[in-house]
Amino acid sequence: MSVQKTIYVDGVWRDAEAGGTRDILDPADAGVLATVAEGGRADTDAAIEAARRAFDAGAWPNTPVAERAALLRRVADLLQRDREEIALLESRDTGKTLEEGRVDVDDVTAAFRYFADLVMNESGGRVVDAGSADVHSVVVHEPVGVCAMITPWNYPLLQASWKIAPALAAGNTLVVKPSEVTPLSTVRLVELLAEAGLPAGVANIVTGAGDPVGARLAEHPAVDLVSFTGGLASGVKVAQAAAPTVKKVALELGGKNPNVVFADACATDEGFDTAVDQALNAAFIHSGQVCSAGSRLIVEESVRDRFVAELARRAARIRLGRGTEKGVECGPLVSQQQLDKTEMYVASALTEGASLRCGGERPEPNETRPAGGYFYCPTVLDNCHRGMRVVREETFGPILTVETFRTEEEAVELANDTEYGLAGAVFSSDTARARRVAARLRHGTVWINDYHPYLPQAEWGGFGRSGVGRELGRAGLEEYRETKHVYENLRPAPVRWFAG
């Protein structure tokens, strides 16, 4: 298999300067999907320098807003033109189902169109009343500069778009480093940016490992902002590396997300079915490899036995297989490392006293599940408590833990007892109670009687160790801007502060 040129610097696709390569594996069978360039420090420096030149001396930062918005809309159109191809690429690279891949492409398209519309509908700045007719005072927004973007392996295309679209809308230049495990769709997105007419040097990509590529992006003095999505430990390293140059930092570091189900939500057959279905959706979409996964089910004690029994019955029937196969509902984990980690957490939970209700093992291979694939059965662990590792740490696998509560106060206490604070949900037929509990949850997104939907116009991010900053919405655009106050004296005259 030939090496794919996946490093793009100043408008040119190229191999790694040191000649390094990496095989990208299909998680469904561990076969080689592609061989890509493995960039290093020299490639990263070259990409940063190209972005720096494009910002300091290029036209993009001063390109009229209408032209920037038009380019983003062209990218959105190209994404839809190539929807099936990109969805298939994302499915094969990450292991997710083809339908999930299609949804991702549509969500990415929506993000590009949203930020195009957002910048087009803005005014030319906020006029500030200085209290004098002789003063014109205005607050304006300018691009930050060179933006470094480090994205995760679970939603490579989506997470790249959440950063790239607002950065370009604001007039920045950028270098993106996708996960070394799943870089292919981000490479394709950069190809579409070039096809849409983005000037050379504005968007650059370096494929390679977190160290040295990600580390160099975070520490480089010519980078003005670093935006990172990934694990807590890596996010801390990014923040530490960025600190000496006092660059802007945005971090989205995952979550340990509670799904609180009150008994009244299950009072009818339809309500019960909905709550169980949503609990499955919360925990097992993309094999649980979702930062906002509802991996902590917190259910009222009076309905716990019935609820968990039905949940386990349905989880055991989830159809596992290669994501591109028809009828498959859940694909493999992304890598052997993630599979090993999942097995470790399940073993730890059982040692600490959890009860296995379903799953807890690798499935038998079949036509849609090759023997070499990283498959793991959806797992429900009952009788869990807050002291367990599997309850406290982000597992990022198809593992659902069950805790119970008796009172509303206890439900809130359990839901907030986490160092993370990304997302959570409340299921209740009592609207007042649902809204009351939602208001008390210390999480960046709270769903009521639903799980997982998000809107490009609504901010996304977390409390606590789930990170700093926000993506999407107006705040997502502001991350990529600096605010400047311009004060103009219309009738300048001597001040006479000093006698002279």
Protein backbone atom coordinates (compact mmCIF):
# COMPACT_ATOMS: atom_id res chain seq x y z
CA MET A 1 0.00 0.00 0.00
CA SER A 2 1.43 3.37 -1.03
CA VAL A 3 1.92 6.12 1.55
CA GLN A 4 -0.79 8.77 1.45
CA LYS A 5 0.50 12.34 1.59
CA THR A 6 -1.39 13.61 4.63
CA ILE A 7 0.70 16.61 5.67
CA TYR A 8 -0.55 19.82 4.08
CA VAL A 9 1.63 22.90 4.48
CA ASP A 10 1.25 26.19 2.62
CA GLY A 11 -1.02 24.65 0.01
CA VAL A 12 1.13 21.57 -0.75
CA TRP A 13 0.50 17.94 0.20
CA ARG A 14 3.68 16.20 1.22
CA ASP A 15 5.34 13.32 3.05
CA ALA A 16 6.83 13.66 6.50
CA GLU A 17 10.21 15.40 6.42
CA ALA A 18 11.84 12.52 8.31
CA GLY A 19 10.06 9.93 6.15
CA GLY A 20 7.94 8.51 8.98
CA THR A 21 4.75 6.59 8.24
CA ARG A 22 1.91 5.04 10.22
CA ASP A 23 -0.59 2.32 9.34
CA ILE A 24 -4.22 3.24 10.03
CA LEU A 25 -6.10 0.14 11.15
CA ASP A 26 -9.70 -0.89 10.52
CA PRO A 27 -11.10 -1.53 14.03
CA ALA A 28 -13.50 -4.14 12.65
CA ASP A 29 -10.73 -6.56 11.62
CA ALA A 30 -7.39 -4.86 12.49
CA GLY A 31 -6.49 -4.74 8.79
CA VAL A 32 -4.64 -1.79 7.30
CA LEU A 33 -6.97 0.87 5.87
CA ALA A 34 -4.26 3.30 4.80
CA THR A 35 -0.66 4.22 5.38
CA VAL A 36 -0.18 7.91 6.14
CA ALA A 37 2.66 10.32 6.79
CA GLU A 38 3.84 10.44 10.40
CA GLY A 39 4.82 14.04 11.01
CA GLY A 40 7.31 15.29 13.56
CA ARG A 41 8.64 18.50 15.04
CA ALA A 42 10.05 19.82 11.74
CA ASP A 43 6.74 19.30 9.92
CA THR A 44 4.87 21.00 12.76
CA ASP A 45 7.18 23.99 12.75
CA ALA A 46 6.80 24.32 8.98
CA ALA A 47 3.00 24.27 9.27
CA ILE A 48 3.02 26.87 12.06
CA GLU A 49 5.33 29.11 10.03
CA ALA A 50 3.02 28.84 7.01
CA ALA A 51 0.00 29.75 9.13
CA ARG A 52 1.94 32.63 10.68
CA ARG A 53 2.85 34.06 7.26
CA ALA A 54 -0.70 33.65 6.02
CA PHE A 55 -2.01 35.58 9.01
CA ASP A 56 0.61 38.33 9.19
CA ALA A 57 1.05 38.95 5.47
CA GLY A 58 -1.82 37.14 3.78
CA ALA A 59 -5.23 38.36 2.72
CA TRP A 60 -7.47 36.03 4.74
CA PRO A 61 -7.70 37.99 8.03
CA ASN A 62 -8.84 41.07 6.09
CA THR A 63 -11.08 39.24 3.64
CA PRO A 64 -14.59 40.72 3.77
CA VAL A 65 -16.97 38.78 5.98
CA ALA A 66 -19.26 38.01 3.06
CA GLU A 67 -16.42 36.26 1.22
CA ARG A 68 -15.41 34.24 4.27
CA ALA A 69 -19.03 33.20 4.81
CA ALA A 70 -19.37 32.25 1.14
CA LEU A 71 -16.35 29.97 1.40
CA LEU A 72 -17.80 28.23 4.45
CA ARG A 73 -21.03 27.66 2.54
CA ARG A 74 -19.08 26.19 -0.40
CA VAL A 75 -17.43 23.76 2.02
CA ALA A 76 -20.88 22.79 3.33
CA ASP A 77 -22.06 22.12 -0.23
CA LEU A 78 -18.98 19.98 -0.95
CA LEU A 79 -19.59 17.97 2.22
CA GLN A 80 -23.08 17.15 1.00
CA ARG A 81 -21.82 16.37 -2.49
CA ASP A 82 -19.42 13.79 -1.03
CA ARG A 83 -21.66 12.72 1.87
CA GLU A 84 -21.64 8.98 1.18
CA GLU A 85 -17.92 8.82 0.51
CA ILE A 86 -17.03 10.73 3.69
CA ALA A 87 -19.52 8.82 5.83
CA LEU A 88 -18.02 5.55 4.64
CA LEU A 89 -14.52 6.83 5.38
CA GLU A 90 -15.55 7.86 8.89
CA SER A 91 -17.31 4.56 9.52
CA ARG A 92 -14.33 2.45 8.45
CA ASP A 93 -11.79 4.61 10.31
CA THR A 94 -13.62 4.87 13.65
CA GLY A 95 -15.74 1.71 13.61
CA LYS A 96 -19.04 3.57 14.00
CA THR A 97 -22.03 2.57 11.89
CA LEU A 98 -22.44 4.00 8.42
CA GLU A 99 -25.64 5.73 9.50
CA GLU A 100 -23.75 7.45 12.35
CA GLY A 101 -21.18 8.53 9.77
CA ARG A 102 -23.93 10.09 7.66
CA VAL A 103 -25.28 11.93 10.69
CA ASP A 104 -21.78 13.25 11.40
CA VAL A 105 -21.42 14.62 7.87
CA ASP A 106 -24.79 16.34 8.15
CA ASP A 107 -23.87 17.82 11.53
CA VAL A 108 -20.56 19.09 10.14
CA THR A 109 -22.43 20.65 7.23
CA ALA A 110 -24.77 22.38 9.68
CA ALA A 111 -21.82 23.76 11.67
CA PHE A 112 -20.22 25.35 8.61
CA ARG A 113 -23.52 26.90 7.56
CA TYR A 114 -24.27 28.14 11.07
CA PHE A 115 -20.99 30.00 11.47
CA ALA A 116 -21.33 31.43 7.96
CA ASP A 117 -24.75 32.83 8.88
CA LEU A 118 -23.57 34.02 12.30
CA VAL A 119 -20.77 36.25 11.02
CA MET A 120 -22.92 37.56 8.19
CA ASN A 121 -25.62 38.73 10.61
CA GLU A 122 -23.28 40.66 12.89
CA SER A 123 -22.94 44.43 13.05
CA GLY A 124 -19.68 46.30 12.62
CA GLY A 125 -19.01 46.58 16.35
CA ARG A 126 -20.63 47.75 19.56
CA VAL A 127 -20.80 51.50 20.01
CA VAL A 128 -20.03 52.54 23.59
CA ASP A 129 -21.50 55.75 24.99
CA ALA A 130 -18.51 57.73 26.28
CA GLY A 131 -20.70 60.49 27.70
CA SER A 132 -19.45 63.07 25.22
CA ALA A 133 -20.44 64.09 21.71
CA ASP A 134 -16.76 64.67 21.02
CA VAL A 135 -15.85 60.99 21.42
CA HIS A 136 -16.57 58.02 19.20
CA SER A 137 -16.03 54.76 21.10
CA VAL A 138 -16.52 51.29 19.65
CA VAL A 139 -15.72 47.71 20.65
CA VAL A 140 -14.70 45.49 17.73
CA HIS A 141 -13.66 41.87 17.32
CA GLU A 142 -10.54 40.70 15.53
CA PRO A 143 -9.15 37.23 14.81
CA VAL A 144 -6.82 35.75 17.42
CA GLY A 145 -4.16 34.77 14.90
CA VAL A 146 -2.63 31.33 14.43
CA CYS A 147 -4.82 28.61 15.95
CA ALA A 148 -3.61 25.11 16.80
CA MET A 149 -6.31 22.44 16.87
CA ILE A 150 -5.84 19.02 18.42
CA THR A 151 -8.80 16.71 17.87
CA PRO A 152 -9.86 13.29 19.27
CA TRP A 153 -10.33 9.87 17.67
CA ASN A 154 -14.02 9.29 18.43
CA TYR A 155 -15.55 12.09 16.32
CA PRO A 156 -12.63 13.24 14.17
CA LEU A 157 -14.62 15.01 11.46
CA LEU A 158 -17.17 16.56 13.78
CA GLN A 159 -14.67 17.84 16.34
CA ALA A 160 -12.44 19.28 13.62
CA SER A 161 -15.39 21.19 12.17
CA TRP A 162 -16.36 22.65 15.57
CA LYS A 163 -12.95 24.30 15.61
CA ILE A 164 -12.18 24.97 11.95
CA ALA A 165 -15.51 26.56 10.98
CA PRO A 166 -15.55 29.31 13.65
CA ALA A 167 -11.80 29.90 13.33
CA LEU A 168 -12.10 30.55 9.59
CA ALA A 169 -15.30 32.57 10.02
CA ALA A 170 -13.41 34.87 12.41
CA GLY A 171 -10.49 35.29 9.99
CA ASN A 172 -7.82 33.12 11.63
CA THR A 173 -5.26 30.77 10.15
CA LEU A 174 -4.74 27.30 11.57
CA VAL A 175 -2.86 24.05 11.97
CA VAL A 176 -4.93 20.98 12.80
CA LYS A 177 -3.59 17.74 14.25
CA PRO A 178 -6.13 14.92 14.09
CA SER A 179 -5.76 11.86 16.27
CA GLU A 180 -3.08 9.56 14.91
CA VAL A 181 -5.64 6.73 15.20
CA THR A 182 -8.37 8.27 12.99
CA PRO A 183 -6.93 11.02 10.73
CA LEU A 184 -8.55 10.15 7.39
CA SER A 185 -11.74 12.25 7.45
CA THR A 186 -9.89 15.34 8.67
CA VAL A 187 -7.47 14.98 5.77
CA ARG A 188 -10.49 14.82 3.46
CA LEU A 189 -11.97 17.95 5.06
CA VAL A 190 -8.76 19.89 4.43
CA GLU A 191 -8.91 18.75 0.81
CA LEU A 192 -12.41 20.22 0.59
CA LEU A 193 -11.23 23.50 2.12
CA ALA A 194 -8.64 23.78 -0.62
CA GLU A 195 -11.19 22.85 -3.29
CA ALA A 196 -13.51 25.57 -1.96
CA GLY A 197 -10.78 28.15 -2.60
CA LEU A 198 -9.19 28.72 0.80
CA PRO A 199 -5.84 30.47 0.21
CA ALA A 200 -2.63 28.52 0.73
CA GLY A 201 -1.29 28.61 4.27
CA VAL A 202 -4.61 29.44 5.92
CA ALA A 203 -5.41 25.81 6.85
CA ASN A 204 -2.60 23.32 7.41
CA ILE A 205 -2.63 19.75 8.73
CA VAL A 206 0.06 17.61 10.32
CA THR A 207 -0.72 13.95 10.95
CA GLY A 208 1.27 12.35 13.74
CA ALA A 209 1.42 11.51 17.43
CA GLY A 210 0.58 13.76 20.34
CA ASP A 211 4.25 13.87 21.16
CA PRO A 212 5.87 15.50 19.24
CA VAL A 213 3.17 17.11 17.03
CA GLY A 214 0.54 18.07 19.63
CA ALA A 215 3.15 19.02 22.19
CA ARG A 216 4.92 21.30 19.73
CA LEU A 217 1.67 23.00 18.73
CA ALA A 218 0.87 23.72 22.37
CA GLU A 219 4.27 25.17 23.26
CA HIS A 220 5.19 27.04 20.06
CA PRO A 221 5.48 30.83 20.63
CA ALA A 222 4.07 31.62 17.18
CA VAL A 223 0.75 29.94 18.04
CA ASP A 224 -1.81 32.34 19.52
CA LEU A 225 -4.47 29.82 20.58
CA VAL A 226 -4.61 26.08 21.18
CA SER A 227 -7.94 24.25 21.19
CA PHE A 228 -7.84 20.67 22.44
CA THR A 229 -10.49 17.99 22.73
CA GLY A 230 -9.52 14.74 24.44
CA GLY A 231 -8.71 13.15 27.77
CA LEU A 232 -8.11 14.95 31.05
CA ALA A 233 -4.45 13.93 31.46
CA SER A 234 -3.55 15.07 27.94
CA GLY A 235 -5.50 18.29 28.39
CA VAL A 236 -3.52 19.14 31.50
CA LYS A 237 -0.29 18.63 29.54
CA VAL A 238 -1.54 20.93 26.77
CA ALA A 239 -2.40 23.66 29.29
CA GLN A 240 0.99 23.33 30.96
CA ALA A 241 2.83 23.51 27.64
CA ALA A 242 0.84 26.59 26.60
CA ALA A 243 1.30 28.45 29.87
CA PRO A 244 4.81 29.91 29.34
CA THR A 245 3.68 31.75 26.20
CA VAL A 246 0.34 32.77 27.79
CA LYS A 247 -1.60 31.79 24.68
CA LYS A 248 -5.35 31.34 24.73
CA VAL A 249 -6.39 27.79 25.64
CA ALA A 250 -9.71 26.02 25.09
CA LEU A 251 -10.10 22.51 26.50
CA GLU A 252 -12.93 19.99 26.20
CA LEU A 253 -11.92 17.08 28.41
CA GLY A 254 -14.82 14.67 28.49
CA GLY A 255 -17.24 13.73 31.20
CA LYS A 256 -18.75 11.14 33.52
CA ASN A 257 -22.32 11.91 32.72
CA PRO A 258 -25.38 11.09 34.87
CA ASN A 259 -28.72 10.01 33.46
CA VAL A 260 -31.28 10.49 36.25
CA VAL A 261 -34.55 8.56 35.87
CA PHE A 262 -37.44 9.29 38.25
CA ALA A 263 -40.14 6.70 38.83
CA ASP A 264 -42.85 8.99 37.45
CA ALA A 265 -41.14 8.87 34.04
CA CYS A 266 -41.97 5.15 33.99
CA ALA A 267 -45.58 5.42 35.20
CA THR A 268 -46.98 4.51 31.76
CA ASP A 269 -45.89 1.81 29.34
CA GLU A 270 -44.89 4.47 26.81
CA GLY A 271 -42.92 6.43 29.41
CA PHE A 272 -41.15 3.29 30.60
CA ASP A 273 -40.23 2.26 27.05
CA THR A 274 -38.97 5.77 26.28
CA ALA A 275 -36.80 5.98 29.38
CA VAL A 276 -35.25 2.55 28.75
CA ASP A 277 -34.70 3.31 25.07
CA GLN A 278 -33.03 6.63 25.89
CA ALA A 279 -30.81 4.98 28.52
CA LEU A 280 -29.58 2.57 25.83
CA ASN A 281 -29.06 5.46 23.43
CA ALA A 282 -27.23 7.46 26.10
CA ALA A 283 -24.78 4.69 26.96
CA PHE A 284 -24.14 2.65 23.82
CA ILE A 285 -24.14 4.94 20.77
CA HIS A 286 -20.72 4.52 19.10
CA SER A 287 -19.94 1.79 21.66
CA GLY A 288 -19.98 4.38 24.43
CA GLN A 289 -17.04 6.23 22.90
CA VAL A 290 -18.73 9.60 23.32
CA CYS A 291 -17.60 12.37 25.66
CA SER A 292 -21.22 13.01 26.67
CA ALA A 293 -22.21 9.34 27.00
CA GLY A 294 -24.74 8.71 29.75
CA SER A 295 -22.58 6.03 31.34
CA ARG A 296 -24.04 6.57 34.85
CA LEU A 297 -27.67 5.50 35.16
CA ILE A 298 -29.13 6.89 38.39
CA VAL A 299 -32.60 5.40 38.74
CA GLU A 300 -35.22 5.76 41.48
CA GLU A 301 -35.18 2.71 43.73
CA SER A 302 -38.89 1.88 43.38
CA VAL A 303 -38.55 1.13 39.63
CA ARG A 304 -34.94 -0.02 39.61
CA ASP A 305 -35.52 -3.82 39.36
CA ARG A 306 -37.98 -3.63 36.48
CA PHE A 307 -35.99 -0.92 34.70
CA VAL A 308 -32.62 -2.65 34.90
CA ALA A 309 -34.06 -6.03 33.89
CA GLU A 310 -35.54 -4.58 30.71
CA LEU A 311 -32.45 -2.50 30.04
CA ALA A 312 -30.19 -5.55 30.29
CA ARG A 313 -32.50 -7.63 28.12
CA ARG A 314 -32.43 -5.07 25.34
CA ALA A 315 -28.71 -4.28 25.68
CA ALA A 316 -27.93 -7.97 25.21
CA ARG A 317 -29.80 -7.89 21.88
CA ILE A 318 -27.85 -4.97 20.37
CA ARG A 319 -26.48 -6.17 17.03
CA LEU A 320 -22.69 -5.83 16.94
CA GLY A 321 -20.66 -5.87 13.76
CA ARG A 322 -18.74 -3.99 11.13
CA GLY A 323 -20.25 -0.54 10.90
CA THR A 324 -20.75 -0.73 7.15
CA GLU A 325 -22.88 -3.91 7.36
CA LYS A 326 -26.64 -3.56 7.01
CA GLY A 327 -28.56 -4.12 10.24
CA VAL A 328 -25.58 -3.51 12.53
CA GLU A 329 -26.47 -1.23 15.46
CA CYS A 330 -23.10 -0.90 17.18
CA GLY A 331 -19.56 -1.17 15.85
CA PRO A 332 -16.24 -2.09 17.43
CA LEU A 333 -14.10 -0.07 19.78
CA VAL A 334 -11.53 2.04 18.01
CA SER A 335 -8.36 0.17 19.00
CA GLN A 336 -6.85 -2.71 20.94
CA GLN A 337 -5.85 -0.20 23.60
CA GLN A 338 -9.47 0.86 24.08
CA LEU A 339 -10.61 -2.76 24.18
CA ASP A 340 -8.05 -3.58 26.85
CA LYS A 341 -9.12 -0.53 28.85
CA THR A 342 -12.78 -1.59 28.70
CA GLU A 343 -11.96 -5.08 29.95
CA MET A 344 -9.91 -3.60 32.78
CA TYR A 345 -12.80 -1.42 33.96
CA VAL A 346 -15.29 -4.29 33.91
CA ALA A 347 -12.90 -6.55 35.84
CA SER A 348 -12.30 -3.76 38.36
CA ALA A 349 -16.03 -3.22 38.87
CA LEU A 350 -16.71 -6.89 39.48
CA THR A 351 -13.87 -7.05 41.98
CA GLU A 352 -15.37 -4.06 43.81
CA GLY A 353 -18.78 -5.72 44.09
CA ALA A 354 -20.77 -4.76 40.99
CA SER A 355 -23.29 -7.26 39.57
CA LEU A 356 -22.98 -8.14 35.88
CA ARG A 357 -26.43 -7.99 34.27
CA CYS A 358 -25.32 -8.44 30.67
CA GLY A 359 -22.20 -8.26 28.51
CA GLY A 360 -18.83 -8.27 30.20
CA GLU A 361 -17.11 -10.14 27.39
CA ARG A 362 -16.04 -10.12 23.78
CA PRO A 363 -18.66 -11.53 21.41
CA GLU A 364 -18.15 -14.64 19.35
CA PRO A 365 -16.86 -13.84 15.83
CA ASN A 366 -19.27 -14.21 12.93
CA GLU A 367 -19.79 -12.94 9.38
CA THR A 368 -20.11 -9.32 10.47
CA ARG A 369 -17.67 -9.55 13.42
CA PRO A 370 -14.24 -10.68 12.18
CA ALA A 371 -12.11 -12.42 14.79
CA GLY A 372 -9.49 -9.69 14.80
CA GLY A 373 -11.93 -6.84 15.45
CA TYR A 374 -12.08 -4.82 18.65
CA PHE A 375 -15.63 -5.79 19.62
CA TYR A 376 -17.02 -5.79 23.16
CA CYS A 377 -20.57 -6.60 24.24
CA PRO A 378 -22.69 -3.77 25.68
CA THR A 379 -22.34 -4.19 29.43
CA VAL A 380 -24.70 -3.30 32.29
CA LEU A 381 -23.23 -3.27 35.80
CA ASP A 382 -25.75 -3.16 38.66
CA ASN A 383 -25.26 -2.43 42.37
CA CYS A 384 -22.63 0.21 41.71
CA HIS A 385 -21.57 2.95 44.11
CA ARG A 386 -19.57 6.16 43.98
CA GLY A 387 -16.38 4.59 45.32
CA MET A 388 -15.87 2.40 42.26
CA ARG A 389 -13.37 3.34 39.56
CA VAL A 390 -15.89 2.45 36.87
CA VAL A 391 -18.29 5.05 38.35
CA ARG A 392 -15.74 7.80 38.87
CA GLU A 393 -13.51 7.55 35.79
CA GLU A 394 -14.36 8.11 32.14
CA THR A 395 -14.41 4.58 30.68
CA PHE A 396 -15.11 5.51 27.04
CA GLY A 397 -16.51 2.08 26.27
CA PRO A 398 -19.87 0.23 26.17
CA ILE A 399 -20.25 0.16 29.96
CA LEU A 400 -23.33 1.37 31.84
CA THR A 401 -23.28 1.52 35.64
CA VAL A 402 -26.45 1.57 37.75
CA GLU A 403 -26.92 3.53 40.99
CA THR A 404 -30.18 4.15 42.84
CA PHE A 405 -31.78 6.97 44.83
CA ARG A 406 -34.87 7.49 46.98
CA THR A 407 -35.29 11.28 47.10
CA GLU A 408 -34.85 14.18 44.72
CA GLU A 409 -32.13 15.59 46.96
CA GLU A 410 -30.21 12.33 46.81
CA ALA A 411 -30.56 12.18 43.01
CA VAL A 412 -29.02 15.65 42.64
CA GLU A 413 -26.23 14.81 45.07
CA LEU A 414 -25.33 11.64 43.16
CA ALA A 415 -25.49 13.35 39.77
CA ASN A 416 -23.18 16.16 40.87
CA ASP A 417 -20.71 13.89 42.67
CA THR A 418 -18.15 13.87 39.87
CA GLU A 419 -15.04 15.88 39.08
CA TYR A 420 -16.42 16.29 35.56
CA GLY A 421 -19.42 18.34 34.44
CA LEU A 422 -19.99 18.00 30.72
CA ALA A 423 -23.55 16.72 30.33
CA GLY A 424 -26.44 15.01 32.08
CA ALA A 425 -30.11 14.21 31.74
CA VAL A 426 -33.30 14.10 33.80
CA PHE A 427 -36.30 11.91 32.95
CA SER A 428 -39.54 12.83 34.72
CA SER A 429 -43.19 13.39 33.83
CA ASP A 430 -43.28 16.17 36.43
CA THR A 431 -42.21 19.25 34.48
CA ALA A 432 -41.56 21.34 37.58
CA ARG A 433 -39.38 18.64 39.11
CA ALA A 434 -37.46 18.05 35.88
CA ARG A 435 -36.67 21.73 35.47
CA ARG A 436 -35.83 22.11 39.15
CA VAL A 437 -33.33 19.24 39.02
CA ALA A 438 -31.90 20.42 35.69
CA ALA A 439 -31.24 23.84 37.23
CA ARG A 440 -29.25 22.24 40.05
CA LEU A 441 -27.07 19.98 37.90
CA ARG A 442 -23.53 21.31 37.49
CA HIS A 443 -23.12 20.25 33.89
CA GLY A 444 -22.68 22.26 30.70
CA THR A 445 -25.56 20.58 28.85
CA VAL A 446 -28.63 19.13 30.56
CA TRP A 447 -31.32 17.25 28.64
CA ILE A 448 -34.85 16.80 29.95
CA ASN A 449 -36.59 13.65 28.70
CA ASP A 450 -34.03 13.20 25.94
CA TYR A 451 -30.37 12.37 25.50
CA HIS A 452 -27.57 13.39 23.09
CA PRO A 453 -29.11 16.01 20.74
CA TYR A 454 -27.15 19.23 20.35
CA LEU A 455 -27.59 22.38 18.30
CA PRO A 456 -24.83 24.27 16.49
CA GLN A 457 -26.35 27.52 17.78
CA ALA A 458 -26.14 26.38 21.43
CA GLU A 459 -22.85 26.42 23.32
CA TRP A 460 -21.13 23.13 24.17
CA GLY A 461 -18.67 22.63 27.01
CA GLY A 462 -18.42 21.63 30.62
CA PHE A 463 -17.97 22.58 34.25
CA GLY A 464 -15.15 21.41 36.50
CA ARG A 465 -12.57 19.14 34.92
CA SER A 466 -14.60 18.83 31.75
CA GLY A 467 -12.62 21.80 30.51
CA VAL A 468 -12.52 25.53 29.88
CA GLY A 469 -14.14 27.52 27.11
CA ARG A 470 -17.05 26.67 24.84
CA GLU A 471 -17.57 25.39 21.33
CA LEU A 472 -20.53 26.13 19.06
CA GLY A 473 -22.94 29.02 19.53
CA ARG A 474 -21.85 32.63 19.80
CA ALA A 475 -19.34 31.77 22.50
CA GLY A 476 -17.79 29.22 20.13
CA LEU A 477 -17.07 32.03 17.69
CA GLU A 478 -15.76 34.33 20.41
CA GLU A 479 -13.13 31.74 21.38
CA TYR A 480 -11.41 32.59 18.10
CA ARG A 481 -11.50 36.36 18.53
CA GLU A 482 -9.81 39.11 20.46
CA THR A 483 -11.85 42.06 21.67
CA LYS A 484 -10.52 45.55 20.96
CA HIS A 485 -11.77 48.92 22.21
CA VAL A 486 -11.20 51.83 19.79
CA TYR A 487 -11.59 55.26 21.43
CA GLU A 488 -11.55 58.24 19.04
CA ASN A 489 -11.37 61.85 20.21
CA LEU A 490 -13.20 63.87 17.55
CA ARG A 491 -12.01 67.26 18.95
CA PRO A 492 -8.45 66.74 20.15
CA ALA A 493 -7.02 69.50 22.35
CA PRO A 494 -4.24 69.84 24.95
CA VAL A 495 -5.04 68.22 28.27
CA ARG A 496 -2.94 70.64 30.41
CA TRP A 497 -2.41 67.99 33.06
CA PHE A 498 1.14 69.25 33.53
CA ALA A 499 1.94 72.92 33.87
CA GLY A 500 4.83 72.73 31.42
